[in-house]
Protein backbone atom coordinates (compact mmCIF):
# COMPACT_ATOMS: atom_id res chain seq x y z
CA UNK A 1 104.38 -36.63 120.02
CA UNK A 2 105.32 -40.59 120.57
CA UNK A 3 103.38 -43.13 122.33
CA UNK A 4 103.50 -46.22 123.99
CA UNK A 5 100.78 -49.03 123.21
CA UNK A 6 99.16 -50.27 126.54
CA UNK A 7 97.10 -53.34 127.11
CA UNK A 8 93.19 -52.31 128.07
CA UNK A 9 92.64 -50.82 131.24
CA UNK A 10 90.59 -48.55 133.33
CA UNK A 11 92.74 -45.54 132.30
CA UNK A 12 89.22 -42.97 131.25
CA UNK A 13 89.72 -40.26 133.43
CA UNK A 14 88.92 -37.95 135.44
CA UNK A 15 85.91 -39.49 136.49
CA UNK A 16 83.10 -38.11 138.88
CA UNK A 17 83.66 -39.17 142.83
CA UNK A 18 80.35 -40.14 144.71
CA UNK A 19 78.93 -40.83 147.81
CA UNK A 20 76.10 -42.99 147.56
CA UNK A 21 73.87 -43.81 150.50
CA UNK A 22 71.81 -47.11 150.73
CA UNK A 23 70.13 -49.18 153.24
CA UNK A 24 69.36 -53.18 152.68
CA UNK A 25 65.38 -54.18 153.78
CA UNK A 26 66.76 -54.00 157.98
CA UNK A 27 66.87 -50.00 157.05
CA UNK A 28 70.82 -49.96 158.55
CA UNK A 29 71.96 -47.26 156.49
CA UNK A 30 75.40 -46.86 154.57
CA UNK A 31 78.05 -44.92 152.61
CA UNK A 32 79.65 -46.43 149.23
CA UNK A 33 82.10 -44.02 147.65
CA UNK A 34 81.88 -44.89 143.51
CA UNK A 35 84.06 -43.78 141.54
CA UNK A 36 82.35 -45.46 138.24
CA UNK A 37 79.06 -43.31 137.83
CA UNK A 38 77.84 -41.35 135.38
CA UNK A 39 74.59 -40.53 132.98
CA UNK A 40 73.66 -42.87 130.51
CA UNK A 41 70.18 -41.27 129.69
CA UNK A 42 67.88 -37.80 129.86
CA UNK A 43 64.64 -38.96 128.76
CA UNK A 44 63.50 -40.01 131.55
CA UNK A 45 66.61 -39.10 133.32
CA UNK A 46 68.83 -42.16 134.25
CA UNK A 47 72.46 -42.60 135.91
CA UNK A 48 74.62 -45.95 136.18
CA UNK A 49 77.43 -46.88 139.26
CA UNK A 50 79.24 -49.80 139.31
CA UNK A 51 80.28 -52.13 142.04
CA UNK A 52 81.78 -55.61 143.09
CA UNK A 53 79.85 -57.90 144.45
CA UNK A 54 81.43 -58.77 147.43
CA UNK A 55 81.16 -55.13 148.41
CA UNK A 56 79.00 -55.08 151.51
CA UNK A 57 76.88 -52.09 149.51
CA UNK A 58 75.95 -54.10 146.48
CA UNK A 59 73.49 -56.45 148.22
CA UNK A 60 71.70 -54.01 150.45
CA UNK A 61 71.62 -52.11 146.93
CA UNK A 62 70.37 -54.88 145.24
CA UNK A 63 67.74 -55.97 147.76
CA UNK A 64 66.52 -52.36 148.40
CA UNK A 65 66.58 -51.43 144.63
CA UNK A 66 67.02 -47.65 145.24
CA UNK A 67 70.34 -45.64 146.43
CA UNK A 68 70.81 -41.58 146.43
CA UNK A 69 73.81 -40.16 144.90
CA UNK A 70 75.06 -37.42 146.66
CA UNK A 71 77.50 -35.14 145.01
CA UNK A 72 80.97 -34.78 146.88
CA UNK A 73 82.90 -31.56 147.47
CA UNK A 74 86.09 -30.56 148.81
CA UNK A 75 85.03 -29.74 152.42
CA UNK A 76 83.55 -33.91 152.12
CA UNK A 77 86.70 -35.28 150.51
CA UNK A 78 87.93 -36.95 153.79
CA UNK A 79 84.76 -38.36 154.22
CA UNK A 80 84.68 -39.86 150.80
CA UNK A 81 87.81 -41.15 150.67
CA UNK A 82 87.19 -43.12 154.30
CA UNK A 83 83.78 -44.24 152.45
CA UNK A 84 85.93 -45.81 149.85
CA UNK A 85 88.48 -48.02 152.13
CA UNK A 86 85.85 -48.41 155.10
CA UNK A 87 83.15 -51.43 155.03
CA UNK A 88 79.64 -51.22 156.49
CA UNK A 89 80.01 -54.31 157.23
CA UNK A 90 82.38 -52.96 160.27
CA UNK A 91 81.97 -49.19 160.90
CA UNK A 92 78.75 -47.24 160.93
CA UNK A 93 79.87 -44.65 158.18
CA UNK A 94 77.12 -41.57 158.69
CA UNK A 95 78.30 -42.39 162.91
CA UNK A 96 82.07 -42.03 162.40
CA UNK A 97 82.45 -39.31 160.28
CA UNK A 98 79.36 -36.94 162.20
CA UNK A 99 77.38 -37.26 158.57
CA UNK A 100 73.99 -36.23 158.61
CA UNK A 101 71.31 -38.60 158.02
CA UNK A 102 68.34 -36.05 155.63
CA UNK A 103 64.64 -37.31 154.25
CA UNK A 104 64.77 -38.37 150.75
CA UNK A 105 61.29 -37.56 148.56
CA UNK A 106 60.83 -40.44 146.96
CA UNK A 107 63.31 -43.15 147.83
CA UNK A 108 63.54 -45.07 151.36
CA UNK A 109 66.72 -44.12 151.89
CA UNK A 110 68.74 -41.55 154.13
CA UNK A 111 70.43 -38.58 151.88
CA UNK A 112 73.32 -37.03 153.29
CA UNK A 113 72.75 -33.39 154.30
CA UNK A 114 75.99 -32.03 154.13
CA UNK A 115 76.34 -32.67 150.43
CA UNK A 116 75.10 -29.77 147.95
CA UNK A 117 72.97 -32.04 145.48
CA UNK A 118 71.36 -35.34 146.54
CA UNK A 119 70.14 -37.34 143.71
CA UNK A 120 67.40 -40.49 144.65
CA UNK A 121 67.63 -43.30 141.98
CA UNK A 122 65.61 -46.59 141.61
CA UNK A 123 67.00 -49.61 140.22
CA UNK A 124 65.88 -50.39 136.70
CA UNK A 125 68.50 -53.55 135.91
CA UNK A 126 71.55 -55.05 137.06
CA UNK A 127 73.90 -55.94 134.54
CA UNK A 128 77.07 -58.36 135.19
CA UNK A 129 80.14 -57.25 133.96
CA UNK A 130 82.74 -59.15 135.10
CA UNK A 131 84.54 -57.67 138.35
CA UNK A 132 81.79 -55.35 138.33
CA UNK A 133 77.94 -55.25 138.30
CA UNK A 134 76.28 -51.97 136.90
CA UNK A 135 73.07 -50.67 138.57
CA UNK A 136 71.12 -48.98 135.85
CA UNK A 137 68.81 -46.67 137.70
CA UNK A 138 65.99 -43.85 136.73
CA UNK A 139 66.49 -40.47 138.70
CA UNK A 140 63.10 -39.97 140.71
CA UNK A 141 64.09 -36.79 142.28
CA UNK A 142 66.83 -34.15 142.89
CA UNK A 143 67.61 -32.25 146.02
CA UNK A 144 69.83 -28.87 145.76
CA UNK A 145 70.79 -26.60 148.09
CA UNK A 146 69.85 -23.05 148.08
CA UNK A 147 73.06 -21.41 148.45
CA UNK A 148 74.07 -22.93 144.90
CA UNK A 149 71.40 -20.66 142.69
CA UNK A 150 71.10 -17.54 141.98
CA UNK A 151 68.60 -14.73 142.22
CA UNK A 152 67.34 -15.88 138.72
CA UNK A 153 66.86 -19.25 140.18
CA UNK A 154 69.65 -20.47 137.97
CA UNK A 155 71.72 -23.35 138.99
CA UNK A 156 75.01 -22.23 139.67
CA UNK A 157 77.29 -25.56 140.47
CA UNK A 158 80.67 -24.04 140.63
CA UNK A 159 79.37 -22.70 143.99
CA UNK A 160 79.26 -26.78 144.96
CA UNK A 161 83.00 -26.71 145.18
CA UNK A 162 82.82 -30.09 143.36
CA UNK A 163 86.19 -32.62 143.38
CA UNK A 164 86.57 -35.15 140.71
CA UNK A 165 89.18 -38.69 141.01
CA UNK A 166 92.02 -39.02 138.18
CA UNK A 167 93.92 -41.77 138.63
CA UNK A 168 94.37 -42.88 142.27
CA UNK A 169 93.92 -38.59 143.31
CA UNK A 170 91.03 -36.66 144.41
CA UNK A 171 91.16 -33.17 142.50
CA UNK A 172 88.87 -29.90 143.12
CA UNK A 173 87.47 -28.17 139.89
CA UNK A 174 88.88 -24.48 140.12
CA UNK A 175 88.59 -22.85 137.09
CA UNK A 176 86.46 -22.69 133.98
CA UNK A 177 87.91 -22.61 130.46
CA UNK A 178 84.70 -22.55 128.85
CA UNK A 179 81.04 -23.99 128.40
CA UNK A 180 78.78 -25.99 126.14
CA UNK A 181 79.25 -24.07 122.51
CA UNK A 182 81.35 -21.55 122.95
CA UNK A 183 84.00 -22.78 120.55
CA UNK A 184 80.89 -21.37 117.83
CA UNK A 185 79.73 -18.43 119.54
CA UNK A 186 80.47 -14.68 118.61
CA UNK A 187 83.32 -13.18 121.09
CA UNK A 188 80.75 -10.84 122.41
CA UNK A 189 78.11 -13.59 123.84
CA UNK A 190 81.42 -14.95 125.42
CA UNK A 191 82.13 -11.60 127.09
CA UNK A 192 78.27 -10.82 127.52
CA UNK A 193 78.33 -14.86 129.54
CA UNK A 194 81.39 -13.87 131.60
CA UNK A 195 79.88 -10.62 132.89
CA UNK A 196 76.68 -12.08 133.65
CA UNK A 197 78.33 -14.53 136.02
CA UNK A 198 79.98 -12.37 137.42
CA UNK A 199 77.28 -10.83 138.49
CA UNK A 200 76.04 -13.58 140.46
């Protein structure tokens, strides 16, 4: 297979598309859609988000030192795109999109009720990179919609109908191709796992 050599670029795809809710010291809430977000540590659980300095939400998050990552579903795709292209300087995104502010359990920033999973974060460090600054944050609490939890108390994230972002387009996640470690699992264990998932 022939390949072309390209200059360095942000080619890593797909990436999560998340709606980050935030507010400044004055308390006015805003939502910014971020595609450059990721898990960076397990103990303590930590995440990062990268934002350009000129974005309205940049200073809100820097001032408050807190934000909430709201996972994005197929139903929230339109809202996610809107929050990525419209500025909170000009429009109240919660009001325009009819999204519901929900009180967080730890941070003083509203969560998006319509999102099935909300991740409350406190900023631990900000690193200047160039076009973007990266906010390093610790996860303080996670809220999960009860509809994603089965009878045995297990999280069924496949029920959330999450979306991702790849090269300028939003994509749904339709089908599982395997699970962590399936390549070395005995066939009968793989079949057993599939049957268990059908019973959920």
